[in-house]
Amino acid sequence: MPSVIIVLIILVVLVFIALVKTIQVIPQASAAIVERFGRYTRTLNAGLNIVVPFIDSIRNRIDLREQVVPFPPQPVITQDNLVVNIDTVIYYQVTDARAATYEVASYIQAIEQLTVTTLRNIIGGMDLERTLTSREEINAALRGVLDEATGKWGIRVNRVELKAIEPPTSIQDSMEKQMRADRDKRAAILQAEGVRQSEILRAEGEKQSSILRAEGDAKAAALRAEGEAQAIRTVFESIHAGDADQKLLAYQYLQMLPKIAEGDANKLWIVPSEIGDALKGLSGAFGNIGGGVPGFDTGKEKTPPTE
């Protein structure tokens, strides 16, 4: 009896193991390679799959999602014999699980070595300056070569990125000094341009100010002259309207003579020839006034009456 129980237990265990080996659940975005007696039979896709236990075996499980693989820095010699260290990042995806399993032993190592050799060929035809400024060109060329070579391995290279390009330390110091000198040069040029523009604007402002001041002075002089002319016309019209005779004019002329002599700068002044006529007219006017007014002494001596 105990031996029967033991046999039953062994049979149950074997059935359980057979069921486990028969039912294979493959996750989404994954694939599995099935071999029968060491020979490729089929590829299991995502979902529930049935295999023959103890005859079929799972050789490899492959992730079909896009993978990211960073490679360590690689020393590369440029065309001008400078050694630069370049870090690369590869984005790839397995498109054929069978080819990725049987066409290459280790596709990760193969991609890394192919990346290094291709990168050295590309950088070897460029100088340092072009290498630092042509990342897109290097990425495109590297991706083209990798995609062509890895196609037969069931691999598709989606992107290739140069993560870092590190030139030698001495070159970095020289580049920093050059960049600093360029920045100082641009700063000096901008400062000189600013000073020049400021001087131009200041000169333009002074020019406009002078023009406006001159125009203001001209308008003021014109208005002043116009006012004086208007005043002269008013005085002239008033004189003509009042019918002033020569005696009044002579009197006004004599009143203006003291004003002509005013001021420290008037050391010498000229008496017009017309002043004699004015004095004669004035003396005649006073004589007529004195003779016509009783008691007014004109300065002439009276002759005594004759007996």
Protein backbone atom coordinates (compact mmCIF):
# COMPACT_ATOMS: atom_id res chain seq x y z
CA MET A 1 0.00 0.00 0.00
CA PRO A 2 2.65 2.56 0.85
CA SER A 3 4.43 1.80 -2.43
CA VAL A 4 1.23 2.55 -4.36
CA ILE A 5 0.90 5.90 -2.64
CA ILE A 6 4.48 6.73 -3.48
CA VAL A 7 3.90 5.85 -7.14
CA LEU A 8 0.79 8.00 -7.23
CA ILE A 9 2.65 10.90 -5.72
CA ILE A 10 5.39 10.51 -8.32
CA LEU A 11 2.81 10.40 -11.10
CA VAL A 12 1.11 13.56 -9.81
CA VAL A 13 4.43 15.35 -9.68
CA LEU A 14 5.29 14.25 -13.21
CA VAL A 15 1.88 15.37 -14.48
CA PHE A 16 2.32 18.75 -12.79
CA ILE A 17 5.78 19.17 -14.28
CA ALA A 18 4.44 18.16 -17.70
CA LEU A 19 1.64 20.71 -17.44
CA VAL A 20 4.11 23.42 -16.43
CA LYS A 21 6.31 22.58 -19.40
CA THR A 22 3.37 22.29 -21.75
CA ILE A 23 1.76 25.67 -21.01
CA GLN A 24 4.01 28.64 -21.78
CA VAL A 25 2.81 32.19 -21.13
CA ILE A 26 4.75 34.81 -23.06
CA PRO A 27 4.45 38.44 -21.87
CA GLN A 28 3.49 41.26 -24.20
CA ALA A 29 6.34 42.66 -26.39
CA SER A 30 8.34 39.46 -25.88
CA ALA A 31 9.11 36.35 -27.90
CA ALA A 32 10.53 32.92 -27.18
CA ILE A 33 12.52 30.54 -29.37
CA VAL A 34 11.40 26.88 -29.25
CA GLU A 35 13.79 24.06 -30.15
CA ARG A 36 12.95 20.40 -30.60
CA PHE A 37 15.88 18.13 -29.99
CA GLY A 38 18.21 21.12 -30.44
CA ARG A 39 16.69 22.30 -33.70
CA TYR A 40 14.68 25.49 -34.19
CA THR A 41 10.97 24.77 -34.40
CA ARG A 42 9.03 27.99 -34.00
CA THR A 43 8.82 31.35 -32.27
CA LEU A 44 6.31 31.82 -29.48
CA ASN A 45 4.53 35.17 -29.47
CA ALA A 46 2.81 36.97 -26.61
CA GLY A 47 0.01 35.02 -24.94
CA LEU A 48 -0.72 31.40 -23.98
CA ASN A 49 1.24 28.80 -25.95
CA ILE A 50 1.30 24.99 -25.86
CA VAL A 51 4.50 23.01 -26.37
CA VAL A 52 5.35 19.33 -26.18
CA PRO A 53 6.85 18.66 -22.76
CA PHE A 54 10.25 17.01 -22.49
CA ILE A 55 10.62 17.31 -26.28
CA ASP A 56 10.31 21.04 -26.97
CA SER A 57 12.49 23.40 -25.01
CA ILE A 58 12.67 27.19 -24.70
CA ARG A 59 16.01 28.28 -26.09
CA ASN A 60 15.83 32.03 -25.54
CA ARG A 61 13.40 34.74 -24.41
CA ILE A 62 13.86 38.04 -26.20
CA ASP A 63 12.50 41.47 -25.30
CA LEU A 64 11.04 43.14 -28.41
CA ARG A 65 10.86 46.62 -26.90
CA GLU A 66 13.29 49.38 -27.87
CA GLN A 67 16.47 49.13 -25.87
CA VAL A 68 18.96 51.81 -24.82
CA VAL A 69 22.61 50.82 -24.51
CA PRO A 70 25.28 53.36 -23.46
CA PHE A 71 28.82 52.51 -24.46
CA PRO A 72 31.88 53.64 -22.46
CA PRO A 73 34.11 56.43 -23.83
CA GLN A 74 36.21 55.37 -26.77
CA PRO A 75 39.48 57.08 -27.77
CA VAL A 76 39.32 58.22 -31.39
CA ILE A 77 42.03 59.98 -33.43
CA THR A 78 40.94 62.89 -35.61
CA GLN A 79 42.39 63.88 -38.98
CA ASP A 80 44.69 66.45 -37.31
CA ASN A 81 46.13 63.73 -35.00
CA LEU A 82 44.26 64.67 -31.82
CA VAL A 83 42.81 62.04 -29.51
CA VAL A 84 39.24 62.64 -28.38
CA ASN A 85 37.06 60.48 -26.13
CA ILE A 86 33.54 59.92 -27.44
CA ASP A 87 30.58 58.50 -25.49
CA THR A 88 27.82 56.95 -27.61
CA VAL A 89 24.28 55.81 -26.89
CA ILE A 90 22.50 53.32 -29.15
CA TYR A 91 18.72 52.92 -29.39
CA TYR A 92 17.89 49.58 -31.02
CA GLN A 93 15.00 47.14 -31.29
CA VAL A 94 14.83 43.41 -32.06
CA THR A 95 12.57 42.82 -35.07
CA ASP A 96 13.36 39.15 -35.70
CA ALA A 97 13.85 36.96 -32.64
CA ARG A 98 15.09 33.97 -34.69
CA ALA A 99 17.80 36.00 -36.49
CA ALA A 100 18.85 37.70 -33.25
CA THR A 101 19.31 34.24 -31.71
CA TYR A 102 21.00 32.31 -34.52
CA GLU A 103 22.69 34.91 -36.77
CA VAL A 104 24.99 36.40 -34.13
CA ALA A 105 26.34 35.08 -30.87
CA SER A 106 25.84 38.31 -28.86
CA TYR A 107 24.21 41.14 -30.73
CA ILE A 108 24.94 43.66 -27.93
CA GLN A 109 28.68 43.04 -28.13
CA ALA A 110 28.52 43.00 -31.93
CA ILE A 111 26.74 46.38 -32.02
CA GLU A 112 29.30 47.86 -29.60
CA GLN A 113 32.29 46.74 -31.63
CA LEU A 114 30.68 47.82 -34.89
CA THR A 115 29.92 51.24 -33.36
CA VAL A 116 33.54 51.71 -32.25
CA THR A 117 35.07 50.77 -35.61
CA THR A 118 32.56 52.84 -37.61
CA LEU A 119 33.05 55.83 -35.33
CA ARG A 120 36.81 55.69 -35.79
CA ASN A 121 36.43 55.59 -39.56
CA ILE A 122 34.10 58.61 -39.56
CA ILE A 123 36.09 60.73 -37.08
CA GLY A 124 39.37 59.84 -38.80
CA GLY A 125 38.27 61.89 -41.82
CA MET A 126 37.39 65.02 -39.79
CA ASP A 127 39.48 67.56 -37.95
CA LEU A 128 38.73 68.54 -34.36
CA GLU A 129 36.71 71.64 -35.15
CA ARG A 130 34.47 69.80 -37.58
CA THR A 131 34.09 66.92 -35.13
CA LEU A 132 32.85 69.26 -32.41
CA THR A 133 30.37 71.01 -34.71
CA SER A 134 29.07 68.07 -36.81
CA ARG A 135 27.26 65.84 -34.35
CA GLU A 136 24.19 65.46 -36.54
CA GLU A 137 26.34 64.47 -39.50
CA ILE A 138 28.24 61.90 -37.41
CA ASN A 139 25.00 60.50 -35.95
CA ALA A 140 23.43 60.10 -39.39
CA ALA A 141 26.51 58.39 -40.87
CA LEU A 142 26.89 56.09 -37.87
CA ARG A 143 23.21 55.14 -37.88
CA GLY A 144 23.29 54.35 -41.60
CA VAL A 145 26.23 51.96 -41.24
CA LEU A 146 24.82 50.25 -38.13
CA ASP A 147 21.34 49.87 -39.55
CA GLU A 148 22.70 48.24 -42.70
CA ALA A 149 24.99 45.84 -40.82
CA THR A 150 22.51 44.84 -38.10
CA GLY A 151 19.60 44.22 -40.48
CA LYS A 152 20.62 40.61 -41.07
CA TRP A 153 20.82 40.10 -37.31
CA GLY A 154 17.16 40.98 -36.89
CA ILE A 155 18.10 44.30 -35.22
CA ARG A 156 16.90 47.78 -36.19
CA VAL A 157 18.99 50.71 -34.99
CA ASN A 158 16.57 53.58 -34.41
CA ARG A 159 18.90 56.28 -33.11
CA VAL A 160 22.57 56.88 -32.45
CA GLU A 161 23.60 59.76 -30.20
CA LEU A 162 27.03 61.13 -29.30
CA LYS A 163 26.63 61.81 -25.61
CA ALA A 164 29.96 63.58 -25.14
CA ILE A 165 33.04 64.56 -27.12
CA GLU A 166 36.01 65.32 -24.88
CA PRO A 167 39.15 66.78 -26.52
CA PRO A 168 42.52 66.73 -24.70
CA THR A 169 42.97 68.98 -21.67
CA SER A 170 45.48 71.25 -23.41
CA ILE A 171 43.08 71.73 -26.31
CA GLN A 172 40.26 72.51 -23.89
CA ASP A 173 42.39 75.20 -22.22
CA SER A 174 43.27 76.73 -25.58
CA MET A 175 39.62 76.69 -26.65
CA GLU A 176 38.55 78.37 -23.42
CA LYS A 177 41.17 81.10 -23.87
CA GLN A 178 40.06 81.63 -27.46
CA MET A 179 36.41 81.80 -26.46
CA ARG A 180 37.27 84.24 -23.66
CA ALA A 181 39.22 86.42 -26.10
CA ASP A 182 36.33 86.34 -28.58
CA ARG A 183 33.88 87.36 -25.86
CA ASP A 184 36.15 90.22 -24.74
CA LYS A 185 36.50 91.33 -28.36
CA ARG A 186 32.76 91.31 -28.92
CA ALA A 187 32.23 93.19 -25.66
CA ALA A 188 34.76 95.86 -26.67
CA ILE A 189 33.14 96.19 -30.10
CA LEU A 190 29.69 96.53 -28.57
CA GLN A 191 30.95 99.11 -26.09
CA ALA A 192 32.64 101.12 -28.87
CA GLU A 193 29.47 100.94 -30.94
CA GLY A 194 27.48 102.15 -27.96
CA VAL A 195 29.83 105.10 -27.37
CA ARG A 196 29.77 105.95 -31.07
CA GLN A 197 25.99 105.84 -31.21
CA SER A 198 25.78 107.94 -28.06
CA GLU A 199 28.11 110.57 -29.54
CA ILE A 200 26.11 110.62 -32.77
CA LEU A 201 22.86 111.07 -30.88
CA ARG A 202 24.39 113.79 -28.72
CA ALA A 203 25.71 115.62 -31.81
CA GLU A 204 22.33 115.29 -33.49
CA GLY A 205 20.67 116.67 -30.39
CA GLU A 206 23.04 119.62 -30.21
CA LYS A 207 22.51 120.26 -33.92
CA GLN A 208 18.74 120.22 -33.56
CA SER A 209 18.99 122.40 -30.47
CA SER A 210 21.17 124.95 -32.31
CA ILE A 211 18.80 124.97 -35.26
CA LEU A 212 15.78 125.48 -33.03
CA ARG A 213 17.61 128.19 -31.04
CA ALA A 214 18.62 129.99 -34.23
CA GLU A 215 15.08 129.74 -35.57
CA GLY A 216 13.76 131.09 -32.28
CA ASP A 217 16.23 133.99 -32.34
CA ALA A 218 15.34 134.77 -35.96
CA LYS A 219 11.63 134.73 -35.21
CA ALA A 220 12.19 136.87 -32.10
CA ALA A 221 14.27 139.37 -34.09
CA ALA A 222 11.65 139.44 -36.82
CA LEU A 223 8.89 140.02 -34.27
CA ARG A 224 10.99 142.67 -32.52
CA ALA A 225 11.70 144.46 -35.80
CA GLU A 226 8.04 144.19 -36.74
CA GLY A 227 7.08 145.68 -33.38
CA GLU A 228 9.54 148.55 -33.74
CA ALA A 229 8.31 149.20 -37.27
CA GLN A 230 4.74 149.19 -36.00
CA ALA A 231 5.71 151.60 -33.24
CA ILE A 232 7.42 153.93 -35.72
CA ARG A 233 4.39 153.79 -37.99
CA THR A 234 2.12 154.55 -35.04
CA VAL A 235 4.27 157.52 -33.97
CA PHE A 236 4.51 158.76 -37.54
CA GLU A 237 0.77 158.46 -38.01
CA SER A 238 0.17 160.22 -34.68
CA ILE A 239 2.47 163.08 -35.68
CA HIS A 240 0.75 163.51 -39.02
CA ALA A 241 -2.65 163.20 -37.42
CA GLY A 242 -1.74 165.91 -34.86
CA ASP A 243 -0.33 168.20 -37.59
CA ALA A 244 2.84 168.97 -35.56
CA ASP A 245 4.78 172.01 -36.76
CA GLN A 246 8.56 172.52 -36.87
CA LYS A 247 8.65 174.16 -33.48
CA LEU A 248 7.27 171.09 -31.69
CA LEU A 249 9.66 168.81 -33.55
CA ALA A 250 12.60 171.03 -32.63
CA TYR A 251 11.55 170.90 -28.99
CA GLN A 252 11.32 167.08 -29.05
CA TYR A 253 14.72 166.89 -30.72
CA LEU A 254 16.31 168.89 -27.92
CA GLN A 255 14.72 166.58 -25.34
CA MET A 256 16.35 163.54 -26.97
CA LEU A 257 19.87 165.01 -26.91
CA PRO A 258 20.54 164.18 -23.21
CA LYS A 259 19.49 160.54 -23.79
CA ILE A 260 21.99 160.27 -26.63
CA ALA A 261 24.78 161.33 -24.27
CA GLU A 262 23.83 158.80 -21.54
CA GLY A 263 26.09 155.83 -20.79
CA ASP A 264 29.77 155.34 -19.98
CA ALA A 265 30.55 154.17 -23.51
CA ASN A 266 29.46 157.42 -25.11
CA LYS A 267 32.75 159.28 -24.90
CA LEU A 268 32.17 161.09 -28.14
CA TRP A 269 28.92 161.98 -29.83
CA ILE A 270 28.27 163.97 -32.96
CA VAL A 271 25.80 166.83 -33.15
CA PRO A 272 23.90 166.77 -36.44
CA SER A 273 23.93 169.81 -38.65
CA GLU A 274 20.18 170.05 -38.31
CA ILE A 275 20.50 171.11 -34.65
CA GLY A 276 21.23 174.70 -35.73
CA ASP A 277 17.93 174.93 -37.60
CA ALA A 278 16.21 173.36 -34.64
CA LEU A 279 17.70 175.95 -32.25
CA LYS A 280 16.75 178.78 -34.56
CA GLY A 281 13.24 177.50 -34.78
CA LEU A 282 13.09 177.05 -31.03
CA SER A 283 14.46 180.52 -30.30
CA GLY A 284 12.00 181.96 -32.75
CA ALA A 285 9.23 180.09 -31.05
CA PHE A 286 10.23 181.40 -27.63
CA GLY A 287 10.52 184.93 -29.08
CA ASN A 288 7.06 184.79 -30.47
CA ILE A 289 5.74 183.39 -27.23
CA GLY A 290 7.45 186.13 -25.19
CA GLY A 291 6.24 188.96 -27.44
CA GLY A 292 2.69 187.78 -27.32
CA VAL A 293 2.56 187.40 -23.53
CA PRO A 294 2.45 190.53 -21.33
CA GLY A 295 5.29 190.80 -18.83
CA PHE A 296 7.48 188.27 -20.61
CA ASP A 297 11.05 189.56 -20.87
CA THR A 298 12.66 188.52 -24.10
CA GLY A 299 16.05 190.00 -23.09
CA LYS A 300 15.91 193.06 -25.39
CA GLU A 301 16.67 196.45 -23.86
CA LYS A 302 13.85 198.97 -23.95
CA THR A 303 14.72 202.43 -25.27
CA PRO A 304 13.55 205.30 -23.10
CA PRO A 305 10.85 207.44 -24.57
CA THR A 306 11.97 210.69 -26.10
CA GLU A 307 10.80 213.88 -24.69
